[in-house]
C-alpha atoms as a PDB file:
ATOM      1  CA  MET A   1     129.069 220.936  32.919  1.00  0.00           C
ATOM      2  CA  ALA A   2     130.740 217.546  32.511  1.00  0.00           C
ATOM      3  CA  LYS A   3     131.024 214.807  35.030  1.00  0.00           C
ATOM      4  CA  GLU A   4     134.131 214.659  37.129  1.00  0.00           C
ATOM      5  CA  SER A   5     136.370 211.814  36.718  1.00  0.00           C
ATOM      6  CA  ILE A   6     136.701 209.349  39.598  1.00  0.00           C
ATOM      7  CA  THR A   7     140.185 209.644  40.997  1.00  0.00           C
ATOM      8  CA  TYR A   8     142.116 207.428  43.373  1.00  0.00           C
ATOM      9  CA  PHE A   9     144.742 208.484  45.884  1.00  0.00           C
ATOM     10  CA  TRP A  10     147.001 205.757  47.508  1.00  0.00           C
ATOM     11  CA  GLY A  11     148.403 206.706  50.874  1.00  0.00           C
ATOM     12  CA  ALA A  12     150.930 204.733  52.980  1.00  0.00           C
ATOM     13  CA  ARG A  13     148.064 202.998  54.782  1.00  0.00           C
ATOM     14  CA  SER A  14     144.936 204.236  53.058  1.00  0.00           C
ATOM     15  CA  LEU A  15     143.000 204.600  49.905  1.00  0.00           C
ATOM     16  CA  LEU A  16     140.856 207.731  48.989  1.00  0.00           C
ATOM     17  CA  ILE A  17     138.314 207.241  46.259  1.00  0.00           C
ATOM     18  CA  ASN A  18     137.043 210.767  45.031  1.00  0.00           C
ATOM     19  CA  ILE A  19     133.731 210.083  43.296  1.00  0.00           C
ATOM     20  CA  GLY A  20     132.910 213.745  42.907  1.00  0.00           C
ATOM     21  CA  ASN A  21     129.612 214.787  41.515  1.00  0.00           C
ATOM     22  CA  ARG A  22     128.238 212.342  39.047  1.00  0.00           C
ATOM     23  CA  THR A  23     124.975 214.183  38.050  1.00  0.00           C
ATOM     24  CA  SER A  24     124.328 214.013  34.444  1.00  0.00           C
ATOM     25  CA  ARG A  25     123.638 216.997  32.246  1.00  0.00           C
ATOM     26  CA  GLN A  26     120.030 215.987  31.662  1.00  0.00           C
ATOM     27  CA  MET A  27     119.405 215.675  35.411  1.00  0.00           C
ATOM     28  CA  ARG A  28     121.101 219.108  35.941  1.00  0.00           C
ATOM     29  CA  PHE A  29     118.778 220.513  33.206  1.00  0.00           C
ATOM     30  CA  LEU A  30     115.770 219.084  35.081  1.00  0.00           C
ATOM     31  CA  PHE A  31     116.939 220.608  38.283  1.00  0.00           C
ATOM     32  CA  VAL A  32     117.118 224.050  36.668  1.00  0.00           C
ATOM     33  CA  LEU A  33     113.702 223.659  35.235  1.00  0.00           C
ATOM     34  CA  GLU A  34     112.255 222.655  38.587  1.00  0.00           C
ATOM     35  CA  PHE A  35     114.038 225.574  40.179  1.00  0.00           C
ATOM     36  CA  VAL A  36     112.752 228.124  37.707  1.00  0.00           C
ATOM     37  CA  PHE A  37     109.186 226.803  37.790  1.00  0.00           C
ATOM     38  CA  THR A  38     109.119 226.957  41.637  1.00  0.00           C
ATOM     39  CA  ILE A  39     110.660 230.443  41.716  1.00  0.00           C
ATOM     40  CA  GLY A  40     108.079 231.567  39.170  1.00  0.00           C
ATOM     41  CA  LEU A  41     105.233 229.990  41.115  1.00  0.00           C
ATOM     42  CA  ALA A  42     106.499 231.804  44.298  1.00  0.00           C
ATOM     43  CA  THR A  43     106.733 235.117  42.476  1.00  0.00           C
ATOM     44  CA  VAL A  44     103.120 234.821  41.371  1.00  0.00           C
ATOM     45  CA  PHE A  45     102.078 234.249  45.103  1.00  0.00           C
ATOM     46  CA  PHE A  46     104.107 237.181  46.181  1.00  0.00           C
ATOM     47  CA  ILE A  47     102.746 239.557  43.627  1.00  0.00           C
ATOM     48  CA  LYS A  48      99.211 238.434  44.356  1.00  0.00           C
ATOM     49  CA  ALA A  49      99.938 239.114  48.169  1.00  0.00           C
ATOM     50  CA  LEU A  50     100.762 242.789  47.491  1.00  0.00           C
ATOM     51  CA  PRO A  51     100.108 245.208  49.159  1.00  0.00           C
ATOM     52  CA  PHE A  52     100.535 243.700  52.582  1.00  0.00           C
ATOM     53  CA  LYS A  53      99.111 246.404  54.640  1.00  0.00           C
ATOM     54  CA  PHE A  54      96.894 244.879  57.435  1.00  0.00           C
ATOM     55  CA  ASN A  55      95.485 242.006  55.302  1.00  0.00           C
ATOM     56  CA  LEU A  56      96.159 238.702  57.098  1.00  0.00           C
ATOM     57  CA  MET A  57      95.727 236.629  53.985  1.00  0.00           C
ATOM     58  CA  ASN A  58      98.149 238.671  52.033  1.00  0.00           C
ATOM     59  CA  TRP A  59     100.814 238.327  54.823  1.00  0.00           C
ATOM     60  CA  VAL A  60     100.186 234.520  54.891  1.00  0.00           C
ATOM     61  CA  ALA A  61     100.559 234.379  51.048  1.00  0.00           C
ATOM     62  CA  GLY A  62     103.699 236.539  51.193  1.00  0.00           C
ATOM     63  CA  LEU A  63     105.247 234.338  53.863  1.00  0.00           C
ATOM     64  CA  GLY A  64     104.361 231.181  51.781  1.00  0.00           C
ATOM     65  CA  ALA A  65     106.025 232.808  48.794  1.00  0.00           C
ATOM     66  CA  CYS A  66     109.254 233.519  50.899  1.00  0.00           C
ATOM     67  CA  ALA A  67     109.191 229.927  52.044  1.00  0.00           C
ATOM     68  CA  LEU A  68     109.085 228.647  48.540  1.00  0.00           C
ATOM     69  CA  TYR A  69     111.894 230.846  47.563  1.00  0.00           C
ATOM     70  CA  PHE A  70     113.975 229.479  50.433  1.00  0.00           C
ATOM     71  CA  LEU A  71     113.063 225.764  49.913  1.00  0.00           C
ATOM     72  CA  ALA A  72     113.599 225.974  46.070  1.00  0.00           C
ATOM     73  CA  THR A  73     116.985 227.692  46.397  1.00  0.00           C
ATOM     74  CA  ARG A  74     118.102 225.244  49.129  1.00  0.00           C
ATOM     75  CA  ARG A  75     117.006 222.196  47.101  1.00  0.00           C
ATOM     76  CA  PHE A  76     118.688 223.403  43.990  1.00  0.00           C
ATOM     77  CA  LEU A  77     121.964 224.143  45.715  1.00  0.00           C
ATOM     78  CA  LEU A  78     121.972 220.784  47.450  1.00  0.00           C
ATOM     79  CA  ARG A  79     121.474 218.923  44.295  1.00  0.00           C
ATOM     80  CA  MET A  80     123.813 220.824  42.062  1.00  0.00           C
ATOM     81  CA  PHE A  81     126.831 221.231  44.522  1.00  0.00           C
ATOM     82  CA  TYR A  82     127.771 218.157  46.253  1.00  0.00           C
ATOM     83  CA  SER A  83     130.563 215.635  46.102  1.00  0.00           C
ATOM     84  CA  GLU A  84     131.160 212.160  47.468  1.00  0.00           C
ATOM     85  CA  CYS A  85     134.183 210.187  48.411  1.00  0.00           C
ATOM     86  CA  ILE A  86     135.231 206.938  50.132  1.00  0.00           C
ATOM     87  CA  LEU A  87     138.263 206.558  52.552  1.00  0.00           C
ATOM     88  CA  LEU A  88     139.599 203.100  53.309  1.00  0.00           C
ATOM     89  CA  ASP A  89     142.104 202.603  56.151  1.00  0.00           C
ATOM     90  CA  GLU A  90     143.311 199.521  58.105  1.00  0.00           C
ATOM     91  CA  GLN A  91     140.280 199.346  60.322  1.00  0.00           C
ATOM     92  CA  CYS A  92     137.298 200.973  58.784  1.00  0.00           C
ATOM     93  CA  ILE A  93     135.657 202.394  55.565  1.00  0.00           C
ATOM     94  CA  ALA A  94     134.316 205.958  55.679  1.00  0.00           C
ATOM     95  CA  PHE A  95     131.727 207.459  53.268  1.00  0.00           C
ATOM     96  CA  VAL A  96     131.984 211.201  53.106  1.00  0.00           C
ATOM     97  CA  LYS A  97     129.339 213.246  51.426  1.00  0.00           C
ATOM     98  CA  LYS A  98     129.783 217.058  51.161  1.00  0.00           C
ATOM     99  CA  THR A  99     127.156 219.628  50.216  1.00  0.00           C
ATOM    100  CA  ILE A 100     127.270 223.384  50.075  1.00  0.00           C
ATOM    101  CA  PHE A 101     125.821 223.354  53.566  1.00  0.00           C
ATOM    102  CA  SER A 102     127.168 220.417  55.393  1.00  0.00           C
ATOM    103  CA  ARG A 103     129.581 217.457  55.499  1.00  0.00           C
ATOM    104  CA  GLN A 104     128.385 213.946  56.484  1.00  0.00           C
ATOM    105  CA  ILE A 105     130.805 211.223  57.349  1.00  0.00           C
ATOM    106  CA  ARG A 106     129.653 207.591  57.955  1.00  0.00           C
ATOM    107  CA  ARG A 107     132.267 205.111  59.343  1.00  0.00           C
ATOM    108  CA  TYR A 108     131.927 201.380  59.413  1.00  0.00           C
ATOM    109  CA  ASP A 109     134.234 198.438  60.538  1.00  0.00           C
ATOM    110  CA  TRP A 110     134.842 196.101  57.779  1.00  0.00           C
ATOM    111  CA  ARG A 111     133.679 193.251  59.887  1.00  0.00           C
ATOM    112  CA  LEU A 112     130.232 194.753  60.032  1.00  0.00           C
ATOM    113  CA  LEU A 113     129.812 194.809  56.174  1.00  0.00           C
ATOM    114  CA  GLY A 114     128.288 192.085  54.075  1.00  0.00           C
ATOM    115  CA  PRO A 115     128.474 191.618  50.352  1.00  0.00           C
ATOM    116  CA  LEU A 116     128.906 194.590  48.036  1.00  0.00           C
ATOM    117  CA  HIS A 117     126.091 194.832  45.404  1.00  0.00           C
ATOM    118  CA  TYR A 118     125.366 197.019  42.431  1.00  0.00           C
ATOM    119  CA  GLU A 119     121.988 198.416  41.928  1.00  0.00           C
ATOM    120  CA  GLY A 120     121.999 201.187  39.359  1.00  0.00           C
ATOM    121  CA  GLN A 121     122.829 202.242  35.923  1.00  0.00           C
ATOM    122  CA  VAL A 122     123.830 199.173  34.053  1.00  0.00           C
ATOM    123  CA  LEU A 123     125.437 199.076  30.719  1.00  0.00           C
ATOM    124  CA  LYS A 124     122.678 198.664  28.228  1.00  0.00           C
ATOM    125  CA  SER A 125     122.028 198.713  24.529  1.00  0.00           C
ATOM    126  CA  GLY A 126     120.535 201.966  23.312  1.00  0.00           C
ATOM    127  CA  HIS A 127     116.803 202.652  22.564  1.00  0.00           C
ATOM    128  CA  PRO A 128     115.804 201.690  19.007  1.00  0.00           C
ATOM    129  CA  LEU A 129     115.151 205.298  18.386  1.00  0.00           C
ATOM    130  CA  LYS A 130     118.477 206.458  19.629  1.00  0.00           C
ATOM    131  CA  GLY A 131     120.112 208.822  17.137  1.00  0.00           C
ATOM    132  CA  LYS A 132     117.122 208.972  14.913  1.00  0.00           C
ATOM    133  CA  THR A 133     115.935 212.376  13.580  1.00  0.00           C
ATOM    134  CA  PHE A 134     112.356 211.278  14.304  1.00  0.00           C
ATOM    135  CA  ASP A 135     112.852 210.647  18.018  1.00  0.00           C
ATOM    136  CA  TYR A 136     110.555 213.596  18.847  1.00  0.00           C
ATOM    137  CA  PHE A 137     109.530 212.160  22.216  1.00  0.00           C
ATOM    138  CA  GLY A 138     113.063 211.585  23.498  1.00  0.00           C
ATOM    139  CA  PHE A 139     112.624 207.979  24.385  1.00  0.00           C
ATOM    140  CA  GLU A 140     116.383 207.404  24.642  1.00  0.00           C
ATOM    141  CA  THR A 141     116.736 210.527  26.915  1.00  0.00           C
ATOM    142  CA  ASN A 142     113.939 209.282  29.026  1.00  0.00           C
ATOM    143  CA  ASP A 143     115.434 205.858  29.502  1.00  0.00           C
ATOM    144  CA  GLN A 144     118.731 207.440  30.505  1.00  0.00           C
ATOM    145  CA  LEU A 145     116.994 209.839  33.062  1.00  0.00           C
ATOM    146  CA  ILE A 146     115.136 206.911  34.632  1.00  0.00           C
ATOM    147  CA  GLN A 147     118.325 205.187  35.263  1.00  0.00           C
ATOM    148  CA  THR A 148     119.800 208.156  37.055  1.00  0.00           C
ATOM    149  CA  LEU A 149     117.037 208.651  39.638  1.00  0.00           C
ATOM    150  CA  HIS A 150     118.853 206.878  42.474  1.00  0.00           C
ATOM    151  CA  LYS A 151     118.938 209.302  45.340  1.00  0.00           C
ATOM    152  CA  GLU A 152     120.902 207.219  47.852  1.00  0.00           C
ATOM    153  CA  GLY A 153     123.402 205.648  45.619  1.00  0.00           C
ATOM    154  CA  ASN A 154     123.933 202.840  43.024  1.00  0.00           C
ATOM    155  CA  LEU A 155     126.112 200.525  45.162  1.00  0.00           C
ATOM    156  CA  PHE A 156     125.303 199.176  48.595  1.00  0.00           C
ATOM    157  CA  PHE A 157     126.631 196.926  51.313  1.00  0.00           C
ATOM    158  CA  ASP A 158     124.518 194.521  53.173  1.00  0.00           C
ATOM    159  CA  THR A 159     124.763 195.360  57.026  1.00  0.00           C
ATOM    160  CA  PRO A 160     122.835 194.085  60.062  1.00  0.00           C
ATOM    161  CA  GLN A 161     121.177 197.532  60.119  1.00  0.00           C
ATOM    162  CA  GLY A 162     120.144 197.240  56.414  1.00  0.00           C
ATOM    163  CA  ARG A 163     121.517 198.401  53.070  1.00  0.00           C
ATOM    164  CA  LEU A 164     124.250 200.989  53.091  1.00  0.00           C
ATOM    165  CA  TYR A 165     123.865 202.976  49.799  1.00  0.00           C
ATOM    166  CA  PHE A 166     126.638 205.047  48.259  1.00  0.00           C
ATOM    167  CA  ALA A 167     128.186 206.104  44.933  1.00  0.00           C
ATOM    168  CA  SER A 168     125.125 208.080  43.583  1.00  0.00           C
ATOM    169  CA  GLY A 169     125.156 208.356  39.654  1.00  0.00           C
ATOM    170  CA  VAL A 170     128.028 205.816  39.127  1.00  0.00           C
ATOM    171  CA  TYR A 171     127.602 203.628  36.023  1.00  0.00           C
ATOM    172  CA  SER A 172     128.479 199.975  35.965  1.00  0.00           C
ATOM    173  CA  TRP A 173     131.788 200.406  34.102  1.00  0.00           C
ATOM    174  CA  ASP A 174     132.989 203.079  36.713  1.00  0.00           C
ATOM    175  CA  ALA A 175     131.651 200.756  39.521  1.00  0.00           C
ATOM    176  CA  GLU A 176     133.791 197.869  38.357  1.00  0.00           C
ATOM    177  CA  GLU A 177     136.915 199.984  38.402  1.00  0.00           C
ATOM    178  CA  MET A 178     136.033 201.241  41.861  1.00  0.00           C
ATOM    179  CA  VAL A 179     135.504 197.599  43.116  1.00  0.00           C
ATOM    180  CA  GLN A 180     138.938 196.568  41.595  1.00  0.00           C
ATOM    181  CA  MET A 181     140.631 199.317  43.622  1.00  0.00           C
ATOM    182  CA  MET A 182     138.781 198.512  46.724  1.00  0.00           C
ATOM    183  CA  LYS A 183     139.590 194.888  46.373  1.00  0.00           C
ATOM    184  CA  MET A 184     143.317 195.563  45.883  1.00  0.00           C
ATOM    185  CA  TYR A 185     143.198 197.395  49.302  1.00  0.00           C
ATOM    186  CA  MET A 186     140.680 195.209  51.171  1.00  0.00           C
ATOM    187  CA  GLY A 187     141.663 191.809  49.677  1.00  0.00           C
ATOM    188  CA  THR A 188     139.340 188.953  50.746  1.00  0.00           C
ATOM    189  CA  SER A 189     137.559 191.254  53.350  1.00  0.00           C
ATOM    190  CA  LEU A 190     135.590 192.669  50.410  1.00  0.00           C
ATOM    191  CA  GLN A 191     132.778 190.199  49.475  1.00  0.00           C
ATOM    192  CA  LEU A 192     130.922 190.630  46.228  1.00  0.00           C
ATOM    193  CA  GLY A 193     127.391 189.930  45.213  1.00  0.00           C
ATOM    194  CA  PRO A 194     126.666 187.495  42.467  1.00  0.00           C
ATOM    195  CA  GLU A 195     125.656 190.224  39.942  1.00  0.00           C
ATOM    196  CA  TRP A 196     129.321 191.298  39.580  1.00  0.00           C
ATOM    197  CA  GLU A 197     130.296 188.074  37.819  1.00  0.00           C
ATOM    198  CA  GLN A 198     127.413 188.550  35.460  1.00  0.00           C
ATOM    199  CA  MET A 199     128.360 192.100  34.712  1.00  0.00           C
ATOM    200  CA  LEU A 200     131.979 191.378  34.181  1.00  0.00           C
ATOM    201  CA  GLN A 201     131.174 188.567  31.664  1.00  0.00           C
ATOM    202  CA  ALA A 202     128.747 190.789  29.751  1.00  0.00           C
ATOM    203  CA  HIS A 203     131.390 193.523  29.411  1.00  0.00           C
ATOM    204  CA  GLU A 204     133.986 191.097  28.340  1.00  0.00           C
ATOM    205  CA  MET A 205     131.635 189.916  25.532  1.00  0.00           C
ATOM    206  CA  ASP A 206     131.026 193.460  24.492  1.00  0.00           C
ATOM    207  CA  ASP A 207     134.800 194.130  24.375  1.00  0.00           C
ATOM    208  CA  ALA A 208     135.319 191.033  22.267  1.00  0.00           C
ATOM    209  CA  GLN A 209     132.766 192.170  19.718  1.00  0.00           C
END
Protein backbone atom coordinates (compact mmCIF):
# COMPACT_ATOMS: atom_id res chain seq x y z
CA MET A 1 0.00 0.00 0.00
CA ALA A 2 1.73 3.18 -1.19
CA LYS A 3 1.73 6.45 0.64
CA GLU A 4 -0.98 8.90 -0.28
CA SER A 5 0.01 12.16 -1.92
CA ILE A 6 -0.38 15.37 0.05
CA THR A 7 -3.13 17.39 -1.63
CA TYR A 8 -4.11 21.06 -1.32
CA PHE A 9 -7.61 22.51 -1.71
CA TRP A 10 -7.96 26.27 -1.97
CA GLY A 11 -11.30 27.73 -0.93
CA ALA A 12 -12.54 31.30 -1.11
CA ARG A 13 -11.24 32.00 2.39
CA SER A 14 -9.56 28.79 3.46
CA LEU A 15 -6.85 26.27 2.66
CA LEU A 16 -7.23 22.55 3.32
CA ILE A 17 -4.06 20.44 3.40
CA ASN A 18 -4.85 16.73 3.22
CA ILE A 19 -1.80 14.88 4.58
CA GLY A 20 -3.49 11.49 4.54
CA ASN A 21 -1.70 8.46 5.94
CA ARG A 22 2.09 8.72 5.59
CA THR A 23 2.98 5.38 7.18
CA SER A 24 5.73 3.66 5.18
CA ARG A 25 5.51 0.09 3.90
CA GLN A 26 8.24 -0.99 6.30
CA MET A 27 6.32 0.36 9.27
CA ARG A 28 3.10 -1.28 8.06
CA PHE A 29 4.96 -4.58 7.82
CA LEU A 30 6.18 -4.17 11.41
CA PHE A 31 2.63 -3.39 12.54
CA VAL A 32 1.42 -6.61 10.88
CA LEU A 33 4.19 -8.64 12.53
CA GLU A 34 3.37 -7.19 15.94
CA PHE A 35 -0.33 -7.93 15.42
CA VAL A 36 0.29 -11.53 14.34
CA PHE A 37 2.68 -12.13 17.26
CA THR A 38 0.24 -10.73 19.84
CA ILE A 39 -2.71 -12.66 18.41
CA GLY A 40 -0.61 -15.82 18.42
CA LEU A 41 0.38 -15.25 22.04
CA ALA A 42 -3.24 -14.63 23.01
CA THR A 43 -4.28 -17.83 21.23
CA VAL A 44 -1.73 -19.84 23.22
CA PHE A 45 -3.12 -18.42 26.48
CA PHE A 46 -6.67 -19.14 25.36
CA ILE A 47 -5.90 -22.76 24.43
CA LYS A 48 -4.07 -23.28 27.75
CA ALA A 49 -7.12 -21.97 29.59
CA LEU A 50 -9.42 -24.65 28.10
CA PRO A 51 -11.58 -26.17 29.40
CA PHE A 52 -12.92 -23.37 31.62
CA LYS A 53 -15.42 -25.30 33.76
CA PHE A 54 -15.06 -24.05 37.35
CA ASN A 55 -11.32 -23.39 37.37
CA LEU A 56 -10.72 -19.76 38.37
CA MET A 57 -7.21 -19.61 36.89
CA ASN A 58 -8.51 -20.88 33.56
CA TRP A 59 -11.15 -18.16 33.53
CA VAL A 60 -8.56 -15.50 34.35
CA ALA A 61 -6.26 -16.77 31.56
CA GLY A 62 -9.18 -16.87 29.13
CA LEU A 63 -10.24 -13.32 29.97
CA GLY A 64 -6.62 -12.18 29.65
CA ALA A 65 -6.45 -13.75 26.19
CA CYS A 66 -9.65 -11.96 25.16
CA ALA A 67 -8.20 -8.68 26.41
CA LEU A 68 -5.08 -9.28 24.31
CA TYR A 69 -7.24 -9.97 21.26
CA PHE A 70 -9.11 -6.71 21.77
CA LEU A 71 -6.05 -4.55 22.48
CA ALA A 72 -4.02 -6.00 19.59
CA THR A 73 -6.86 -5.51 17.11
CA ARG A 74 -7.60 -1.98 18.29
CA ARG A 75 -3.92 -0.97 18.20
CA PHE A 76 -3.50 -2.45 14.72
CA LEU A 77 -6.56 -0.69 13.28
CA LEU A 78 -5.60 2.65 14.86
CA ARG A 79 -2.15 2.50 13.31
CA MET A 80 -3.16 1.25 9.87
CA PHE A 81 -6.28 3.33 9.26
CA TYR A 82 -5.90 7.00 10.08
CA SER A 83 -5.62 10.25 8.19
CA GLU A 84 -4.49 13.76 9.01
CA CYS A 85 -5.33 17.16 7.56
CA ILE A 86 -4.86 20.86 8.32
CA LEU A 87 -7.48 23.55 7.77
CA LEU A 88 -6.50 27.22 7.62
CA ASP A 89 -9.04 30.02 7.71
CA GLU A 90 -8.94 33.74 8.44
CA GLN A 91 -8.82 33.33 12.22
CA CYS A 92 -7.42 29.96 13.21
CA ILE A 93 -5.60 26.81 12.16
CA ALA A 94 -7.23 23.44 12.81
CA PHE A 95 -5.47 20.07 12.99
CA VAL A 96 -7.78 17.16 12.22
CA LYS A 97 -6.82 13.56 12.88
CA LYS A 98 -9.21 10.78 11.92
CA THR A 99 -8.98 7.15 12.95
CA ILE A 100 -11.32 4.24 12.38
CA PHE A 101 -12.85 4.95 15.80
CA SER A 102 -12.68 8.70 16.31
CA ARG A 103 -12.09 12.18 14.94
CA GLN A 104 -9.92 14.66 16.85
CA ILE A 105 -9.92 18.38 16.03
CA ARG A 106 -7.53 20.89 17.62
CA ARG A 107 -8.07 24.58 16.84
CA TYR A 108 -5.64 27.39 17.60
CA ASP A 109 -5.60 31.11 17.02
CA TRP A 110 -2.69 32.16 14.85
CA ARG A 111 -1.66 34.70 17.48
CA LEU A 112 -1.00 31.89 19.97
CA LEU A 113 1.45 30.10 17.69
CA GLY A 114 5.20 30.64 17.80
CA PRO A 115 7.75 29.58 15.16
CA LEU A 116 7.15 26.46 13.08
CA HIS A 117 9.90 23.85 13.38
CA TYR A 118 10.78 20.62 11.59
CA GLU A 119 11.86 17.63 13.64
CA GLY A 120 11.64 14.48 11.64
CA GLN A 121 12.79 12.59 8.60
CA VAL A 122 15.41 14.75 6.95
CA LEU A 123 16.76 14.21 3.47
CA LYS A 124 19.95 12.22 4.03
CA SER A 125 22.47 10.27 2.07
CA GLY A 126 21.96 6.54 1.96
CA HIS A 127 23.72 4.06 4.17
CA PRO A 128 27.05 2.81 2.69
CA LEU A 129 25.51 -0.66 2.30
CA LYS A 130 22.37 0.59 0.55
CA GLY A 131 21.70 -1.43 -2.57
CA LYS A 132 24.49 -3.91 -1.85
CA THR A 133 23.65 -7.59 -2.12
CA PHE A 134 25.61 -8.27 1.08
CA ASP A 135 23.49 -5.95 3.27
CA TYR A 136 22.23 -9.04 5.13
CA PHE A 137 21.44 -7.13 8.32
CA GLY A 138 19.31 -4.47 6.60
CA PHE A 139 21.25 -1.45 7.88
CA GLU A 140 19.64 0.90 5.35
CA THR A 141 16.16 -0.36 6.19
CA ASN A 142 16.82 0.03 9.92
CA ASP A 143 18.01 3.62 9.39
CA GLN A 144 14.79 4.44 7.56
CA LEU A 145 12.59 2.81 10.20
CA ILE A 146 14.31 4.71 12.99
CA GLN A 147 13.50 7.96 11.19
CA THR A 148 9.80 7.07 10.93
CA LEU A 149 9.27 6.44 14.64
CA HIS A 150 7.67 9.82 15.39
CA LYS A 151 4.31 9.19 17.00
CA GLU A 152 3.14 12.78 17.41
CA GLY A 153 4.41 14.35 14.22
CA ASN A 154 7.47 15.69 12.46
CA LEU A 155 6.50 19.35 12.51
CA PHE A 156 5.62 21.43 15.54
CA PHE A 157 4.67 24.94 16.57
CA ASP A 158 5.97 26.52 19.74
CA THR A 159 3.03 27.57 21.92
CA PRO A 160 2.70 28.87 25.51
CA GLN A 161 1.48 25.38 26.46
CA GLY A 162 4.44 23.64 24.84
CA ARG A 163 5.11 22.03 21.48
CA LEU A 164 2.19 21.36 19.16
CA TYR A 165 3.14 18.38 16.97
CA PHE A 166 1.50 17.41 13.68
CA ALA A 167 2.28 15.95 10.22
CA SER A 168 3.26 12.44 11.25
CA GLY A 169 5.50 10.65 8.77
CA VAL A 170 6.13 13.71 6.58
CA TYR A 171 9.58 13.85 4.97
CA SER A 172 11.54 17.08 4.72
CA TRP A 173 10.84 17.66 1.01
CA ASP A 174 7.07 17.29 1.55
CA ALA A 175 7.31 19.49 4.65
CA GLU A 176 8.92 22.27 2.60
CA GLU A 177 6.06 22.19 0.10
CA MET A 178 3.53 22.30 2.93
CA VAL A 179 5.26 25.28 4.50
CA GLN A 180 5.31 27.15 1.19
CA MET A 181 1.56 26.64 0.81
CA MET A 182 0.89 27.67 4.40
CA LYS A 183 3.04 30.77 3.97
CA MET A 184 1.09 31.74 0.83
CA TYR A 185 -2.05 31.80 2.97
CA MET A 186 -0.73 32.99 6.35
CA GLY A 187 1.88 35.44 5.07
CA THR A 188 4.02 37.00 7.77
CA SER A 189 1.86 35.38 10.46
CA LEU A 190 3.79 32.17 9.84
CA GLN A 191 7.15 32.30 11.61
CA LEU A 192 9.78 29.69 10.72
CA GLY A 193 12.54 28.19 12.83
CA PRO A 194 16.19 28.60 11.78
CA GLU A 195 16.45 25.01 10.54
CA TRP A 196 14.30 25.77 7.50
CA GLU A 197 16.96 27.99 5.96
CA GLN A 198 19.57 25.25 6.36
CA MET A 199 17.24 22.63 4.89
CA LEU A 200 16.46 24.76 1.85
CA GLN A 201 20.14 25.48 1.23
CA ALA A 202 21.03 21.80 1.48
CA HIS A 203 18.32 20.81 -0.99
CA GLU A 204 19.30 23.55 -3.42
CA MET A 205 22.87 22.22 -3.38
CA ASP A 206 21.58 18.68 -4.05
CA ASP A 207 19.47 19.92 -6.98
CA ALA A 208 22.46 21.75 -8.45
CA GLN A 209 24.59 18.60 -8.47
